[in-house]
PDB file of N, CA and C in Angstrom:
ATOM      1  N   MET A   1     109.080  83.120  83.827  1.00  0.00           N
ATOM      2  CA  MET A   1     108.715  84.483  83.610  1.00  0.00           C
ATOM      3  C   MET A   1     109.074  85.348  84.825  1.00  0.00           C
ATOM      4  N   MET A   2     108.893  84.817  85.972  1.00  0.00           N
ATOM      5  CA  MET A   2     109.230  85.548  87.194  1.00  0.00           C
ATOM      6  C   MET A   2     110.742  85.776  87.312  1.00  0.00           C
ATOM      7  N   GLY A   3     111.521  84.855  86.831  1.00  0.00           N
ATOM      8  CA  GLY A   3     112.965  84.978  86.864  1.00  0.00           C
ATOM      9  C   GLY A   3     113.471  86.153  86.057  1.00  0.00           C
ATOM     10  N   GLY A   4     112.848  86.433  84.906  1.00  0.00           N
ATOM     11  CA  GLY A   4     113.231  87.557  84.052  1.00  0.00           C
ATOM     12  C   GLY A   4     112.934  88.892  84.707  1.00  0.00           C
ATOM     13  N   MET A   5     111.824  88.951  85.411  1.00  0.00           N
ATOM     14  CA  MET A   5     111.470  90.198  86.102  1.00  0.00           C
ATOM     15  C   MET A   5     112.408  90.430  87.286  1.00  0.00           C
ATOM     16  N   MET A   6     112.826  89.367  87.954  1.00  0.00           N
ATOM     17  CA  MET A   6     113.753  89.496  89.082  1.00  0.00           C
ATOM     18  C   MET A   6     115.077  90.045  88.588  1.00  0.00           C
ATOM     19  N   GLU A   7     115.550  89.521  87.457  1.00  0.00           N
ATOM     20  CA  GLU A   7     116.830  89.975  86.922  1.00  0.00           C
ATOM     21  C   GLU A   7     116.736  91.439  86.527  1.00  0.00           C
ATOM     22  N   ALA A   8     115.627  91.821  85.898  1.00  0.00           N
ATOM     23  CA  ALA A   8     115.446  93.215  85.479  1.00  0.00           C
ATOM     24  C   ALA A   8     115.455  94.146  86.721  1.00  0.00           C
ATOM     25  N   GLY A   9     114.854  93.725  87.807  1.00  0.00           N
ATOM     26  CA  GLY A   9     114.825  94.517  89.036  1.00  0.00           C
ATOM     27  C   GLY A   9     116.207  94.673  89.626  1.00  0.00           C
ATOM     28  N   ILE A  10     117.003  93.633  89.561  1.00  0.00           N
ATOM     29  CA  ILE A  10     118.361  93.705  90.104  1.00  0.00           C
ATOM     30  C   ILE A  10     119.185  94.647  89.257  1.00  0.00           C
ATOM     31  N   TYR A  11     119.055  94.562  87.967  1.00  0.00           N
ATOM     32  CA  TYR A  11     119.825  95.483  87.098  1.00  0.00           C
ATOM     33  C   TYR A  11     119.398  96.934  87.268  1.00  0.00           C
ATOM     34  N   TRP A  12     118.105  97.159  87.509  1.00  0.00           N
ATOM     35  CA  TRP A  12     117.656  98.510  87.755  1.00  0.00           C
ATOM     36  C   TRP A  12     118.261  99.061  89.021  1.00  0.00           C
ATOM     37  N   TRP A  13     118.294  98.264  90.072  1.00  0.00           N
ATOM     38  CA  TRP A  13     118.875  98.723  91.353  1.00  0.00           C
ATOM     39  C   TRP A  13     120.369  98.941  91.196  1.00  0.00           C
ATOM     40  N   LEU A  14     121.067  98.096  90.444  1.00  0.00           N
ATOM     41  CA  LEU A  14     122.493  98.342  90.208  1.00  0.00           C
ATOM     42  C   LEU A  14     122.733  99.630  89.448  1.00  0.00           C
ATOM     43  N   PHE A  15     121.902  99.864  88.441  1.00  0.00           N
ATOM     44  CA  PHE A  15     122.045 101.109  87.669  1.00  0.00           C
ATOM     45  C   PHE A  15     121.727 102.312  88.555  1.00  0.00           C
ATOM     46  N   ALA A  16     120.633 102.260  89.282  1.00  0.00           N
ATOM     47  CA  ALA A  16     120.284 103.377  90.180  1.00  0.00           C
ATOM     48  C   ALA A  16     121.367 103.626  91.223  1.00  0.00           C
ATOM     49  N   GLY A  17     121.877 102.579  91.797  1.00  0.00           N
ATOM     50  CA  GLY A  17     122.931 102.720  92.814  1.00  0.00           C
ATOM     51  C   GLY A  17     124.188 103.299  92.236  1.00  0.00           C
ATOM     52  N   SER A  18     124.524 102.864  91.026  1.00  0.00           N
ATOM     53  CA  SER A  18     125.740 103.437  90.361  1.00  0.00           C
ATOM     54  C   SER A  18     125.515 104.912  90.068  1.00  0.00           C
ATOM     55  N   ALA A  19     124.340 105.270  89.569  1.00  0.00           N
ATOM     56  CA  ALA A  19     124.058 106.664  89.258  1.00  0.00           C
ATOM     57  C   ALA A  19     124.161 107.530  90.515  1.00  0.00           C
ATOM     58  N   ILE A  20     123.623 107.036  91.617  1.00  0.00           N
ATOM     59  CA  ILE A  20     123.690 107.770  92.875  1.00  0.00           C
ATOM     60  C   ILE A  20     125.128 107.951  93.322  1.00  0.00           C
ATOM     61  N   LEU A  21     125.941 106.903  93.198  1.00  0.00           N
ATOM     62  CA  LEU A  21     127.343 106.996  93.571  1.00  0.00           C
ATOM     63  C   LEU A  21     128.086 108.015  92.723  1.00  0.00           C
ATOM     64  N   VAL A  22     127.792 108.071  91.440  1.00  0.00           N
ATOM     65  CA  VAL A  22     128.430 109.040  90.545  1.00  0.00           C
ATOM     66  C   VAL A  22     128.044 110.451  90.941  1.00  0.00           C
ATOM     67  N   VAL A  23     126.760 110.670  91.202  1.00  0.00           N
ATOM     68  CA  VAL A  23     126.308 112.034  91.610  1.00  0.00           C
ATOM     69  C   VAL A  23     126.955 112.442  92.900  1.00  0.00           C
ATOM     70  N   ILE A  24     127.032 111.552  93.879  1.00  0.00           N
ATOM     71  CA  ILE A  24     127.665 111.849  95.150  1.00  0.00           C
ATOM     72  C   ILE A  24     129.143 112.153  94.940  1.00  0.00           C
ATOM     73  N   GLY A  25     129.804 111.389  94.088  1.00  0.00           N
ATOM     74  CA  GLY A  25     131.200 111.639  93.767  1.00  0.00           C
ATOM     75  C   GLY A  25     131.450 113.015  93.174  1.00  0.00           C
ATOM     76  N   ILE A  26     130.584 113.408  92.235  1.00  0.00           N
ATOM     77  CA  ILE A  26     130.708 114.720  91.609  1.00  0.00           C
ATOM     78  C   ILE A  26     130.474 115.840  92.648  1.00  0.00           C
ATOM     79  N   ILE A  27     129.513 115.674  93.510  1.00  0.00           N
ATOM     80  CA  ILE A  27     129.233 116.685  94.544  1.00  0.00           C
ATOM     81  C   ILE A  27     130.426 116.799  95.478  1.00  0.00           C
ATOM     82  N   LEU A  28     131.004 115.692  95.902  1.00  0.00           N
ATOM     83  CA  LEU A  28     132.155 115.707  96.779  1.00  0.00           C
ATOM     84  C   LEU A  28     133.366 116.360  96.092  1.00  0.00           C
ATOM     85  N   LEU A  29     133.583 116.061  94.811  1.00  0.00           N
ATOM     86  CA  LEU A  29     134.663 116.635  94.053  1.00  0.00           C
ATOM     87  C   LEU A  29     134.497 118.158  93.967  1.00  0.00           C
ATOM     88  N   LEU A  30     133.307 118.621  93.672  1.00  0.00           N
ATOM     89  CA  LEU A  30     133.056 120.069  93.569  1.00  0.00           C
ATOM     90  C   LEU A  30     133.245 120.758  94.946  1.00  0.00           C
ATOM     91  N   ALA A  31     132.793 120.093  95.994  1.00  0.00           N
ATOM     92  CA  ALA A  31     132.956 120.667  97.346  1.00  0.00           C
ATOM     93  C   ALA A  31     134.429 120.768  97.705  1.00  0.00           C
ATOM     94  N   TRP A  32     135.213 119.766  97.358  1.00  0.00           N
ATOM     95  CA  TRP A  32     136.644 119.768  97.641  1.00  0.00           C
ATOM     96  C   TRP A  32     137.343 120.874  96.835  1.00  0.00           C
ATOM     97  N   LEU A  33     137.005 121.000  95.569  1.00  0.00           N
ATOM     98  CA  LEU A  33     137.610 122.034  94.735  1.00  0.00           C
ATOM     99  C   LEU A  33     137.267 123.416  95.245  1.00  0.00           C
ATOM    100  N   PHE A  34     136.009 123.650  95.658  1.00  0.00           N
ATOM    101  CA  PHE A  34     135.572 124.926  96.156  1.00  0.00           C
ATOM    102  C   PHE A  34     136.306 125.281  97.455  1.00  0.00           C
ATOM    103  N   SER A  35     136.396 124.323  98.362  1.00  0.00           N
ATOM    104  CA  SER A  35     137.047 124.598  99.654  1.00  0.00           C
ATOM    105  C   SER A  35     138.544 124.861  99.461  1.00  0.00           C
ATOM    106  N   ARG A  36     139.114 124.190  98.509  1.00  0.00           N
ATOM    107  CA  ARG A  36     140.556 124.374  98.236  1.00  0.00           C
ATOM    108  C   ARG A  36     140.799 125.768  97.663  1.00  0.00           C
ATOM    109  N   ALA A  37     139.938 126.211  96.783  1.00  0.00           N
ATOM    110  CA  ALA A  37     140.071 127.518  96.141  1.00  0.00           C
ATOM    111  C   ALA A  37     139.896 128.655  97.148  1.00  0.00           C
ATOM    112  N   THR A  38     139.039 128.492  98.084  1.00  0.00           N
ATOM    113  CA  THR A  38     138.793 129.575  99.047  1.00  0.00           C
ATOM    114  C   THR A  38     139.874 129.637 100.127  1.00  0.00           C
ATOM    115  N   ARG A  39     140.601 128.567 100.333  1.00  0.00           N
ATOM    116  CA  ARG A  39     141.648 128.577 101.338  1.00  0.00           C
ATOM    117  C   ARG A  39     142.964 129.169 100.860  1.00  0.00           C
ATOM    118  N   GLU A  40     143.204 129.175  99.546  1.00  0.00           N
ATOM    119  CA  GLU A  40     144.447 129.683  99.026  1.00  0.00           C
ATOM    120  C   GLU A  40     144.543 131.194  99.197  1.00  0.00           C
ATOM    121  N   GLU A  41     145.692 131.612  99.728  1.00  0.00           N
ATOM    122  CA  GLU A  41     145.900 133.030  99.951  1.00  0.00           C
ATOM    123  C   GLU A  41     146.824 133.558  98.830  1.00  0.00           C
ATOM    124  N   THR A  42     146.524 134.734  98.392  1.00  0.00           N
ATOM    125  CA  THR A  42     147.393 135.366  97.431  1.00  0.00           C
ATOM    126  C   THR A  42     148.647 135.859  98.111  1.00  0.00           C
ATOM    127  N   ALA A  43     149.688 136.126  97.358  1.00  0.00           N
ATOM    128  CA  ALA A  43     150.934 136.595  97.890  1.00  0.00           C
ATOM    129  C   ALA A  43     150.731 137.936  98.628  1.00  0.00           C
ATOM    130  N   LEU A  44     149.893 138.779  98.045  1.00  0.00           N
ATOM    131  CA  LEU A  44     149.649 140.093  98.657  1.00  0.00           C
ATOM    132  C   LEU A  44     148.939 139.949 100.038  1.00  0.00           C
ATOM    133  N   VAL A  45     147.996 139.023 100.131  1.00  0.00           N
ATOM    134  CA  VAL A  45     147.317 138.788 101.413  1.00  0.00           C
ATOM    135  C   VAL A  45     148.279 138.276 102.441  1.00  0.00           C
ATOM    136  N   ILE A  46     149.163 137.367 102.052  1.00  0.00           N
ATOM    137  CA  ILE A  46     150.184 136.852 102.980  1.00  0.00           C
ATOM    138  C   ILE A  46     151.114 137.972 103.424  1.00  0.00           C
ATOM    139  N   LEU A  47     151.547 138.819 102.478  1.00  0.00           N
ATOM    140  CA  LEU A  47     152.391 139.934 102.817  1.00  0.00           C
ATOM    141  C   LEU A  47     151.722 140.875 103.808  1.00  0.00           C
ATOM    142  N   GLN A  48     150.453 141.191 103.557  1.00  0.00           N
ATOM    143  CA  GLN A  48     149.728 142.070 104.460  1.00  0.00           C
ATOM    144  C   GLN A  48     149.595 141.474 105.830  1.00  0.00           C
ATOM    145  N   ARG A  49     149.314 140.163 105.905  1.00  0.00           N
ATOM    146  CA  ARG A  49     149.195 139.512 107.193  1.00  0.00           C
ATOM    147  C   ARG A  49     150.513 139.538 107.962  1.00  0.00           C
ATOM    148  N   ARG A  50     151.606 139.278 107.271  1.00  0.00           N
ATOM    149  CA  ARG A  50     152.938 139.277 107.922  1.00  0.00           C
ATOM    150  C   ARG A  50     153.273 140.675 108.417  1.00  0.00           C
ATOM    151  N   TYR A  51     152.948 141.697 107.648  1.00  0.00           N
ATOM    152  CA  TYR A  51     153.200 143.068 108.064  1.00  0.00           C
ATOM    153  C   TYR A  51     152.338 143.447 109.279  1.00  0.00           C
ATOM    154  N   ALA A  52     151.099 143.049 109.242  1.00  0.00           N
ATOM    155  CA  ALA A  52     150.170 143.356 110.367  1.00  0.00           C
ATOM    156  C   ALA A  52     150.604 142.641 111.647  1.00  0.00           C
ATOM    157  N   GLN A  53     151.198 141.471 111.526  1.00  0.00           N
ATOM    158  CA  GLN A  53     151.655 140.726 112.713  1.00  0.00           C
ATOM    159  C   GLN A  53     153.036 141.175 113.173  1.00  0.00           C
ATOM    160  N   GLY A  54     153.676 142.088 112.440  1.00  0.00           N
ATOM    161  CA  GLY A  54     154.968 142.560 112.843  1.00  0.00           C
ATOM    162  C   GLY A  54     156.128 141.709 112.460  1.00  0.00           C
ATOM    163  N   GLU A  55     155.896 140.724 111.582  1.00  0.00           N
ATOM    164  CA  GLU A  55     156.982 139.842 111.150  1.00  0.00           C
ATOM    165  C   GLU A  55     157.949 140.559 110.205  1.00  0.00           C
ATOM    166  N   ILE A  56     157.466 141.548 109.484  1.00  0.00           N
ATOM    167  CA  ILE A  56     158.326 142.346 108.601  1.00  0.00           C
ATOM    168  C   ILE A  56     158.064 143.829 108.852  1.00  0.00           C
ATOM    169  N   GLY A  57     159.063 144.644 108.573  1.00  0.00           N
ATOM    170  CA  GLY A  57     158.946 146.070 108.795  1.00  0.00           C
ATOM    171  C   GLY A  57     158.372 146.774 107.569  1.00  0.00           C
ATOM    172  N   PRO A  58     158.159 148.079 107.703  1.00  0.00           N
ATOM    173  CA  PRO A  58     157.577 148.848 106.601  1.00  0.00           C
ATOM    174  C   PRO A  58     158.460 148.900 105.338  1.00  0.00           C
ATOM    175  N   ASP A  59     159.792 148.913 105.533  1.00  0.00           N
ATOM    176  CA  ASP A  59     160.677 148.952 104.356  1.00  0.00           C
ATOM    177  C   ASP A  59     160.574 147.666 103.551  1.00  0.00           C
ATOM    178  N   GLU A  60     160.620 146.562 104.247  1.00  0.00           N
ATOM    179  CA  GLU A  60     160.515 145.259 103.537  1.00  0.00           C
ATOM    180  C   GLU A  60     159.099 145.098 102.904  1.00  0.00           C
ATOM    181  N   TYR A  61     158.115 145.571 103.653  1.00  0.00           N
ATOM    182  CA  TYR A  61     156.741 145.498 103.119  1.00  0.00           C
ATOM    183  C   TYR A  61     156.636 146.290 101.815  1.00  0.00           C
ATOM    184  N   ALA A  62     157.156 147.503 101.824  1.00  0.00           N
ATOM    185  CA  ALA A  62     157.107 148.355 100.580  1.00  0.00           C
ATOM    186  C   ALA A  62     157.888 147.723  99.462  1.00  0.00           C
ATOM    187  N   ARG A  63     159.059 147.153  99.748  1.00  0.00           N
ATOM    188  CA  ARG A  63     159.887 146.542  98.707  1.00  0.00           C
ATOM    189  C   ARG A  63     159.178 145.355  98.075  1.00  0.00           C
ATOM    190  N   VAL A  64     158.665 144.455  98.929  1.00  0.00           N
ATOM    191  CA  VAL A  64     158.012 143.233  98.411  1.00  0.00           C
ATOM    192  C   VAL A  64     156.690 143.612  97.715  1.00  0.00           C
ATOM    193  N   ARG A  65     155.972 144.582  98.255  1.00  0.00           N
ATOM    194  CA  ARG A  65     154.704 144.990  97.633  1.00  0.00           C
ATOM    195  C   ARG A  65     154.977 145.577  96.252  1.00  0.00           C
ATOM    196  N   SER A  66     156.071 146.318  96.098  1.00  0.00           N
ATOM    197  CA  SER A  66     156.380 146.897  94.755  1.00  0.00           C
ATOM    198  C   SER A  66     156.796 145.795  93.814  1.00  0.00           C
ATOM    199  N   ASP A  67     157.397 144.697  94.324  1.00  0.00           N
ATOM    200  CA  ASP A  67     157.697 143.569  93.453  1.00  0.00           C
ATOM    201  C   ASP A  67     156.411 142.856  93.007  1.00  0.00           C
ATOM    202  N   LEU A  68     155.463 142.772  93.901  1.00  0.00           N
ATOM    203  CA  LEU A  68     154.214 142.062  93.587  1.00  0.00           C
ATOM    204  C   LEU A  68     153.302 142.904  92.715  1.00  0.00           C
ATOM    205  N   LEU A  69     153.263 144.216  92.968  1.00  0.00           N
ATOM    206  CA  LEU A  69     152.438 145.155  92.227  1.00  0.00           C
ATOM    207  C   LEU A  69     153.328 146.171  91.591  1.00  0.00           C
ATOM    208  N   PRO A  70     153.835 145.941  90.398  1.00  0.00           N
ATOM    209  CA  PRO A  70     154.799 146.854  89.772  1.00  0.00           C
ATOM    210  C   PRO A  70     154.298 148.278  89.632  1.00  0.00           C
ATOM    211  N   ASN A  71     153.033 148.537  89.545  1.00  0.00           N
ATOM    212  CA  ASN A  71     152.485 149.874  89.410  1.00  0.00           C
ATOM    213  C   ASN A  71     152.317 150.599  90.720  1.00  0.00           C
ATOM    214  N   ALA A  72     152.508 149.878  91.825  1.00  0.00           N
ATOM    215  CA  ALA A  72     152.325 150.495  93.147  1.00  0.00           C
ATOM    216  C   ALA A  72     153.662 150.979  93.676  1.00  0.00           C
ATOM    217  N   SER A  73     153.824 152.256  93.809  1.00  0.00           N
ATOM    218  CA  SER A  73     155.104 152.790  94.263  1.00  0.00           C
ATOM    219  C   SER A  73     155.162 152.991  95.784  1.00  0.00           C
ATOM    220  N   GLU A  74     153.997 153.102  96.398  1.00  0.00           N
ATOM    221  CA  GLU A  74     153.949 153.341  97.863  1.00  0.00           C
ATOM    222  C   GLU A  74     152.979 152.349  98.508  1.00  0.00           C
ATOM    223  N   PRO A  75     153.219 151.987  99.752  1.00  0.00           N
ATOM    224  CA  PRO A  75     152.254 151.120 100.464  1.00  0.00           C
ATOM    225  C   PRO A  75     150.916 151.846 100.599  1.00  0.00           C
ATOM    226  N   ALA A  76     149.876 151.043 100.620  1.00  0.00           N
ATOM    227  CA  ALA A  76     148.518 151.596 100.690  1.00  0.00           C
ATOM    228  C   ALA A  76     148.315 152.478 101.930  1.00  0.00           C
ATOM    229  N   GLY A  77     148.939 152.122 103.063  1.00  0.00           N
ATOM    230  CA  GLY A  77     148.805 152.908 104.252  1.00  0.00           C
ATOM    231  C   GLY A  77     149.371 154.314 104.108  1.00  0.00           C
ATOM    232  N   ASP A  78     150.520 154.430 103.392  1.00  0.00           N
ATOM    233  CA  ASP A  78     151.125 155.736 103.191  1.00  0.00           C
ATOM    234  C   ASP A  78     150.258 156.609 102.279  1.00  0.00           C
ATOM    235  N   MET A  79     149.649 156.020 101.297  1.00  0.00           N
ATOM    236  CA  MET A  79     148.808 156.738 100.378  1.00  0.00           C
ATOM    237  C   MET A  79     147.578 157.307 101.125  1.00  0.00           C
ATOM    238  N   GLU A  80     147.025 156.508 102.012  1.00  0.00           N
ATOM    239  CA  GLU A  80     145.865 156.943 102.771  1.00  0.00           C
ATOM    240  C   GLU A  80     146.254 158.101 103.712  1.00  0.00           C
ATOM    241  N   ASN A  81     147.434 158.029 104.297  1.00  0.00           N
ATOM    242  CA  ASN A  81     147.870 159.078 105.217  1.00  0.00           C
ATOM    243  C   ASN A  81     148.064 160.387 104.489  1.00  0.00           C
ATOM    244  N   LYS A  82     148.611 160.341 103.257  1.00  0.00           N
ATOM    245  CA  LYS A  82     148.820 161.570 102.474  1.00  0.00           C
ATOM    246  C   LYS A  82     147.499 162.193 102.066  1.00  0.00           C
ATOM    247  N   GLU A  83     146.509 161.360 101.750  1.00  0.00           N
ATOM    248  CA  GLU A  83     145.221 161.902 101.400  1.00  0.00           C
ATOM    249  C   GLU A  83     144.564 162.587 102.570  1.00  0.00           C
ATOM    250  N   ASN A  84     144.729 162.029 103.770  1.00  0.00           N
ATOM    251  CA  ASN A  84     144.089 162.604 104.952  1.00  0.00           C
ATOM    252  C   ASN A  84     144.797 163.860 105.464  1.00  0.00           C
ATOM    253  N   THR A  85     146.121 163.955 105.262  1.00  0.00           N
ATOM    254  CA  THR A  85     146.843 165.083 105.808  1.00  0.00           C
ATOM    255  C   THR A  85     146.970 166.250 104.850  1.00  0.00           C
ATOM    256  N   GLY A  86     146.686 166.033 103.587  1.00  0.00           N
ATOM    257  CA  GLY A  86     146.711 167.201 102.750  1.00  0.00           C
ATOM    258  C   GLY A  86     147.334 166.925 101.462  1.00  0.00           C
TER     259      GLY A  86
END
């Protein structure tokens, strides 16, 4: 009779351990997916960073930005300057 209870205890621990490993695996997967999604930069963010660092000039910035945003005819900086000056 004691042998049956020992086996049941072992199976319970194996089940509990497996369940814990599955939960930990799901948490790690979700954390990896979240960190991966937040690190990805959009093309527009990369373009703005390159322009801010001086890697590209205003003409190339405007050309590429208009390719990325077909409805945007002018760089955002130019639009802000026109609003402020009149």
